[in-house]
Amino acid sequence: MSARREGVLPRPRAAVRGRTPLRPAYRRGERSATRRRYLMCQPYPFDAAEADRPWTDRTAGRALTSRRALTQWGRLYSLYLSLGHDVRLIGPLPGLPDAVRAAATATVVDGLVLGARRGEGDGEPAYLDWFRAHGFTEVRGAAYANEGARDFLATGSRLLAGHRSAGPPDAHREARGYFRRPLISLELADPRFPHLDTALTVLDGDEIMYCPAAFSEAGRDVLAGLFPDALVVDEPDAAAPALNAVSDGLHVVLPEGADRVAAGLRDRGFRPIGTDLSELLRGDGGVRSCTLELGPGA
C-alpha cells in the first residue's frame, strides 16, 4: 500500500532560478487564528437571473433556488461570526445577481483597493462606492479586465496572479504597479480551473495548497520552486472545488465533502471546517468566491 495519503500528491520538486523558496515558519501545535475582516453580499435574486449564465450547472435537473442559496450563504456568514471574524455586508443588490460573488468584484491588499473589470451587471461600481463610504482612501477602478480576488491572491510577501492567456495580461502589470508588491504570474492550463482561487489557497503567510494539474508546466515549476512545502492536492478533490477555500491561519473553511484535503490540513495542524454550499456552487459561488477579504480585523 502506498505510504502517501490518498488525495494528496507527492510534492513536485523543481528549482526556480533567482527565486528563494518560501518555507512556512511553524511547528506542529503552534498555529493560531488571526481575526479577519470580510465583505459579503446576500444573494438576491438567484433563480431567474442565473438561469441563462453559461457557467450555471444544470446537471441536477432543476433551477437554482434562491431560498436554498440564501440559507447556505447565511450559514457561511454565521460560521465566520462564530469564529470571531468581522463580517461586513453590502446589499443585497437587486438586479445584480453576480454581486454575491464578492471576491470577483475587487482585490484588497494592504488597505489598497483595485476594482475588478468584467462587464455590466456585475456589481463592481456598487462595491467601489461601498469602499469609499467605509473609510478606504485608496480605491481605484481597474483599467484592464480582471476578476478581482478570484484572479489575485496575496501571500505574506507576494501577490500571485492567475491568467489563461499565452502571457501575463496587462491586468497583472497594473496590479503590480498599484499594490507595489512582487507579483508572480501563473498560467492556468485546465478549463476546470477558470480562476486562481479554484486552483490554489493561501493558508497562512507564505504557506499554500494547490493543484499542480491546474497550471501550465511553467506555472508548476514556479510553484514548486517557491513553495516546496506546499500541500499538493490531486485533481478530483481540487475540482470539487476543495481549493475555493478561506483560511484564517488556523481554521480552513472549505466545501463539505473534501475529506481527503481536510485530512491533509489536519496533518499540518489546521482545523478544516466543511460547509454545504452546493446550491451556490452550481452558480460558481464557492466559499472563497462569496468572501472578499479586507485585511486583519481590529
Protein backbone atom coordinates (compact mmCIF):
# COMPACT_ATOMS: atom_id res chain seq x y z
CA MET A 1 0.00 0.00 0.00
CA SER A 2 1.26 3.46 -0.85
CA ALA A 3 2.60 5.43 2.09
CA ARG A 4 1.10 8.68 0.85
CA ARG A 5 -2.38 9.78 1.84
CA GLU A 6 -4.91 9.31 -0.93
CA GLY A 7 -5.89 12.64 -2.45
CA VAL A 8 -2.64 14.37 -1.56
CA LEU A 9 0.06 14.02 -4.18
CA PRO A 10 3.82 13.75 -3.66
CA ARG A 11 5.35 17.21 -3.79
CA PRO A 12 6.81 18.15 -7.18
CA ARG A 13 10.41 19.28 -6.97
CA ALA A 14 11.73 21.96 -9.22
CA ALA A 15 14.29 24.71 -8.95
CA VAL A 16 13.39 28.24 -9.98
CA ARG A 17 16.41 30.35 -10.70
CA GLY A 18 16.59 33.69 -8.98
CA ARG A 19 13.76 32.95 -6.55
CA THR A 20 14.29 31.92 -2.94
CA PRO A 21 11.90 29.21 -1.72
CA LEU A 22 9.38 30.45 0.85
CA ARG A 23 9.24 27.96 3.71
CA PRO A 24 6.50 28.16 6.35
CA ALA A 25 7.85 29.12 9.77
CA TYR A 26 5.72 26.91 12.00
CA ARG A 27 5.92 23.82 14.17
CA ARG A 28 3.01 21.50 14.87
CA GLY A 29 0.79 22.82 17.64
CA GLU A 30 1.79 26.45 17.16
CA ARG A 31 -0.91 27.57 14.76
CA SER A 32 -3.24 30.39 15.73
CA ALA A 33 -6.13 32.18 14.05
CA THR A 34 -5.90 35.82 13.00
CA ARG A 35 -9.15 37.77 13.20
CA ARG A 36 -10.09 38.90 9.68
CA ARG A 37 -12.44 41.38 8.10
CA TYR A 38 -14.60 40.00 5.32
CA LEU A 39 -17.12 41.58 2.96
CA MET A 40 -20.11 39.55 1.75
CA CYS A 41 -23.24 40.20 -0.31
CA GLN A 42 -26.50 38.37 0.27
CA PRO A 43 -27.72 36.55 -2.87
CA TYR A 44 -30.70 38.37 -4.40
CA PRO A 45 -32.35 37.15 -6.52
CA PHE A 46 -30.57 33.95 -7.50
CA ASP A 47 -33.06 31.98 -9.61
CA ALA A 48 -34.18 33.65 -12.81
CA ALA A 49 -31.17 35.86 -13.45
CA GLU A 50 -28.79 32.91 -13.14
CA ALA A 51 -30.71 30.53 -15.40
CA ASP A 52 -29.01 31.68 -18.60
CA ARG A 53 -25.48 32.04 -17.25
CA PRO A 54 -23.04 29.90 -19.26
CA TRP A 55 -21.34 28.63 -16.08
CA THR A 56 -24.56 27.60 -14.32
CA ASP A 57 -24.66 23.87 -13.63
CA ARG A 58 -27.87 22.32 -14.96
CA THR A 59 -26.86 18.70 -14.33
CA ALA A 60 -29.05 18.43 -11.24
CA GLY A 61 -32.12 18.84 -13.45
CA ARG A 62 -33.59 21.81 -11.60
CA ALA A 63 -33.22 25.56 -11.49
CA LEU A 64 -31.12 27.27 -8.88
CA THR A 65 -33.19 28.13 -5.83
CA SER A 66 -32.89 31.49 -4.13
CA ARG A 67 -34.18 30.19 -0.80
CA ARG A 68 -31.71 27.32 -0.67
CA ALA A 69 -28.83 29.54 -1.84
CA LEU A 70 -29.71 32.15 0.78
CA THR A 71 -29.82 29.51 3.53
CA GLN A 72 -26.36 28.19 2.60
CA TRP A 73 -24.95 31.69 2.29
CA GLY A 74 -26.38 32.53 5.72
CA ARG A 75 -24.66 29.52 7.27
CA LEU A 76 -21.32 30.64 5.84
CA TYR A 77 -21.88 34.15 7.19
CA SER A 78 -22.80 32.77 10.64
CA LEU A 79 -19.77 30.48 10.61
CA TYR A 80 -17.40 33.41 10.11
CA LEU A 81 -19.06 35.24 13.01
CA SER A 82 -18.76 32.17 15.24
CA LEU A 83 -15.02 32.10 14.51
CA GLY A 84 -14.71 35.69 15.72
CA HIS A 85 -14.32 37.44 12.37
CA ASP A 86 -15.64 40.87 11.47
CA VAL A 87 -18.04 40.39 8.56
CA ARG A 88 -19.32 43.47 6.75
CA LEU A 89 -22.33 43.30 4.44
CA ILE A 90 -23.23 45.03 1.20
CA GLY A 91 -26.62 44.75 -0.42
CA PRO A 92 -28.50 42.70 -1.32
CA LEU A 93 -28.24 44.38 -4.72
CA PRO A 94 -31.41 43.90 -6.80
CA GLY A 95 -30.69 43.23 -10.46
CA LEU A 96 -27.05 42.30 -9.77
CA PRO A 97 -27.06 38.54 -9.11
CA ASP A 98 -23.31 38.26 -9.69
CA ALA A 99 -22.66 40.56 -6.72
CA VAL A 100 -22.96 37.55 -4.36
CA ARG A 101 -19.51 36.54 -5.64
CA ALA A 102 -17.86 39.24 -3.58
CA ALA A 103 -14.32 38.07 -4.35
CA ALA A 104 -14.90 38.76 -8.05
CA THR A 105 -15.57 42.47 -7.52
CA ALA A 106 -12.25 43.78 -6.19
CA THR A 107 -8.83 42.94 -4.76
CA VAL A 108 -7.81 44.39 -1.38
CA VAL A 109 -4.14 44.24 -0.36
CA ASP A 110 -2.56 46.30 2.45
CA GLY A 111 -5.59 48.60 2.51
CA LEU A 112 -5.42 49.34 -1.23
CA VAL A 113 -8.50 48.52 -3.31
CA LEU A 114 -8.36 47.70 -7.02
CA GLY A 115 -11.75 47.08 -8.60
CA ALA A 116 -12.47 44.17 -10.89
CA ARG A 117 -13.37 44.82 -14.51
CA ARG A 118 -15.73 42.26 -16.02
CA GLY A 119 -18.92 43.61 -17.57
CA GLU A 120 -22.21 45.31 -16.93
CA GLY A 121 -24.38 43.97 -14.13
CA ASP A 122 -21.54 42.51 -12.10
CA GLY A 123 -21.68 44.89 -9.15
CA GLU A 124 -18.17 46.39 -9.23
CA PRO A 125 -19.31 50.07 -9.11
CA ALA A 126 -21.53 49.34 -6.09
CA TYR A 127 -18.61 47.69 -4.30
CA LEU A 128 -16.22 50.55 -5.07
CA ASP A 129 -18.80 53.01 -3.74
CA TRP A 130 -19.03 50.89 -0.58
CA PHE A 131 -15.27 51.04 -0.07
CA ARG A 132 -15.18 54.82 -0.47
CA ALA A 133 -18.04 55.19 2.01
CA HIS A 134 -16.38 52.95 4.61
CA GLY A 135 -13.02 54.60 5.12
CA PHE A 136 -10.90 53.12 2.32
CA THR A 137 -8.96 56.09 0.98
CA GLU A 138 -7.14 54.45 -1.93
CA VAL A 139 -9.75 52.95 -4.24
CA ARG A 140 -9.21 52.58 -7.97
CA GLY A 141 -11.26 51.12 -10.78
CA ALA A 142 -9.22 48.79 -12.98
CA ALA A 143 -8.16 49.79 -16.48
CA TYR A 144 -7.80 46.17 -17.61
CA ALA A 145 -10.01 43.09 -17.36
CA ASN A 146 -9.66 41.07 -14.16
CA GLU A 147 -11.92 39.19 -11.75
CA GLY A 148 -10.67 40.69 -8.53
CA ALA A 149 -9.60 38.43 -5.69
CA ARG A 150 -10.52 35.39 -7.77
CA ASP A 151 -7.54 36.18 -10.02
CA PHE A 152 -5.21 37.73 -7.40
CA LEU A 153 -4.20 36.03 -4.12
CA ALA A 154 -1.84 37.66 -1.63
CA THR A 155 0.64 35.56 0.34
CA GLY A 156 2.73 37.01 3.15
CA SER A 157 5.25 38.50 0.76
CA ARG A 158 3.94 38.24 -2.80
CA LEU A 159 0.91 38.64 -5.00
CA LEU A 160 0.01 35.54 -7.02
CA ALA A 161 -1.90 36.23 -10.23
CA GLY A 162 -3.68 33.72 -12.44
CA HIS A 163 -4.28 34.04 -16.17
CA ARG A 164 -5.36 31.88 -19.08
CA SER A 165 -3.60 33.65 -21.94
CA ALA A 166 -0.25 32.88 -23.55
CA GLY A 167 1.45 35.58 -21.49
CA PRO A 168 0.77 37.71 -18.41
CA PRO A 169 -2.04 40.16 -19.23
CA ASP A 170 -1.95 43.92 -18.76
CA ALA A 171 -4.02 43.45 -15.60
CA HIS A 172 -1.02 41.83 -13.91
CA ARG A 173 1.24 44.77 -14.70
CA GLU A 174 -1.46 47.13 -13.44
CA ALA A 175 -1.80 45.20 -10.16
CA ARG A 176 1.98 45.02 -9.65
CA GLY A 177 2.30 48.77 -10.00
CA TYR A 178 -0.70 49.61 -7.85
CA PHE A 179 -0.10 47.25 -4.94
CA ARG A 180 3.70 47.71 -5.06
CA ARG A 181 4.33 44.03 -4.33
CA PRO A 182 6.32 41.39 -6.20
CA LEU A 183 3.83 39.66 -8.49
CA ILE A 184 4.07 36.10 -9.79
CA SER A 185 2.05 35.34 -12.95
CA LEU A 186 0.74 31.78 -13.14
CA GLU A 187 -0.87 30.33 -16.24
CA LEU A 188 -3.96 28.18 -15.69
CA ALA A 189 -4.00 25.39 -18.26
CA ASP A 190 -7.10 23.34 -17.35
CA PRO A 191 -10.59 24.76 -18.09
CA ARG A 192 -11.93 23.10 -14.93
CA PHE A 193 -9.98 25.74 -13.01
CA PRO A 194 -11.01 29.07 -14.57
CA HIS A 195 -9.70 31.26 -11.74
CA LEU A 196 -6.70 31.13 -9.45
CA ASP A 197 -8.96 30.73 -6.40
CA THR A 198 -10.19 27.39 -7.76
CA ALA A 199 -6.63 26.05 -8.10
CA LEU A 200 -4.78 27.48 -5.09
CA THR A 201 -5.49 28.51 -1.49
CA VAL A 202 -3.32 30.73 0.70
CA LEU A 203 -3.33 29.04 4.11
CA ASP A 204 -1.12 31.23 6.25
CA GLY A 205 1.55 33.75 5.26
CA ASP A 206 3.62 32.08 2.54
CA GLU A 207 2.05 28.65 3.05
CA ILE A 208 -0.31 27.43 0.34
CA MET A 209 -2.11 24.38 -1.02
CA TYR A 210 -2.63 23.93 -4.75
CA CYS A 211 -3.39 21.53 -7.58
CA PRO A 212 -0.44 21.14 -10.00
CA ALA A 213 -2.68 19.83 -12.81
CA ALA A 214 -4.45 23.20 -12.98
CA PHE A 215 -1.30 25.00 -14.12
CA SER A 216 0.94 25.02 -17.15
CA GLU A 217 4.32 23.33 -16.86
CA ALA A 218 5.97 26.70 -16.27
CA GLY A 219 3.45 27.53 -13.55
CA ARG A 220 4.04 24.19 -11.84
CA ASP A 221 7.79 24.80 -11.87
CA VAL A 222 7.38 28.25 -10.34
CA LEU A 223 5.08 27.00 -7.58
CA ALA A 224 7.28 24.00 -6.77
CA GLY A 225 10.32 26.25 -6.57
CA LEU A 226 8.73 28.96 -4.44
CA PHE A 227 6.59 26.74 -2.23
CA PRO A 228 8.41 23.41 -1.81
CA ASP A 229 6.46 22.63 1.36
CA ALA A 230 3.01 23.33 -0.07
CA LEU A 231 0.14 20.91 0.44
CA VAL A 232 -0.35 19.42 -3.02
CA VAL A 233 -3.91 18.33 -3.87
CA ASP A 234 -4.97 15.96 -6.64
CA GLU A 235 -7.40 16.76 -9.47
CA PRO A 236 -10.64 15.14 -8.24
CA ASP A 237 -10.51 16.91 -4.90
CA ALA A 238 -9.46 20.23 -6.42
CA ALA A 239 -12.30 20.05 -8.95
CA ALA A 240 -14.81 19.56 -6.09
CA PRO A 241 -13.77 22.51 -5.63
CA ALA A 242 -11.86 21.97 -2.39
CA LEU A 243 -9.41 24.78 -3.09
CA ASN A 244 -12.07 27.50 -3.23
CA ALA A 245 -11.49 27.94 0.49
CA VAL A 246 -10.80 30.60 3.13
CA SER A 247 -8.19 30.33 5.90
CA ASP A 248 -7.54 32.50 8.95
CA GLY A 249 -4.24 30.76 9.73
CA LEU A 250 -5.87 28.03 11.83
CA HIS A 251 -9.41 27.38 10.59
CA VAL A 252 -9.82 26.50 6.92
CA VAL A 253 -13.40 26.81 5.65
CA LEU A 254 -13.89 24.65 2.57
CA PRO A 255 -16.71 22.83 0.76
CA GLU A 256 -18.34 19.97 2.59
CA GLY A 257 -17.12 16.55 1.47
CA ALA A 258 -13.46 17.47 0.84
CA ASP A 259 -12.43 14.80 3.34
CA ARG A 260 -9.01 13.91 1.94
CA VAL A 261 -7.96 17.55 1.72
CA ALA A 262 -9.27 18.09 5.25
CA ALA A 263 -7.15 15.17 6.47
CA GLY A 264 -4.05 16.69 4.86
CA LEU A 265 -4.80 20.01 6.56
CA ARG A 266 -5.22 18.36 9.95
CA ASP A 267 -1.85 16.65 9.49
CA ARG A 268 -0.36 20.15 9.31
CA GLY A 269 -2.12 21.47 12.38
CA PHE A 270 -5.03 23.28 10.68
CA ARG A 271 -8.67 22.87 11.67
CA PRO A 272 -10.70 22.33 8.49
CA ILE A 273 -14.42 23.14 8.60
CA GLY A 274 -16.65 21.84 5.85
CA THR A 275 -19.77 23.77 4.84
CA ASP A 276 -22.53 22.93 2.36
CA LEU A 277 -22.60 25.45 -0.49
CA SER A 278 -23.91 23.02 -3.09
CA GLU A 279 -26.56 25.41 -4.42
CA LEU A 280 -24.19 28.36 -4.67
CA LEU A 281 -21.51 26.17 -6.25
CA ARG A 282 -23.87 25.38 -9.11
CA GLY A 283 -23.72 29.09 -9.91
CA ASP A 284 -19.94 29.41 -9.43
CA GLY A 285 -20.28 30.66 -5.85
CA GLY A 286 -17.90 28.76 -3.55
CA VAL A 287 -16.55 29.65 -0.11
CA ARG A 288 -13.82 31.92 -1.41
CA SER A 289 -15.93 33.28 -4.27
CA CYS A 290 -18.53 34.59 -1.80
CA THR A 291 -15.94 36.11 0.56
CA LEU A 292 -13.83 39.20 -0.10
CA GLU A 293 -11.06 39.56 2.49
CA LEU A 294 -10.45 43.16 3.55
CA GLY A 295 -7.47 42.56 5.84
CA PRO A 296 -6.83 41.83 9.53
CA GLY A 297 -9.64 42.58 11.95
CA ALA A 298 -9.32 45.12 14.74
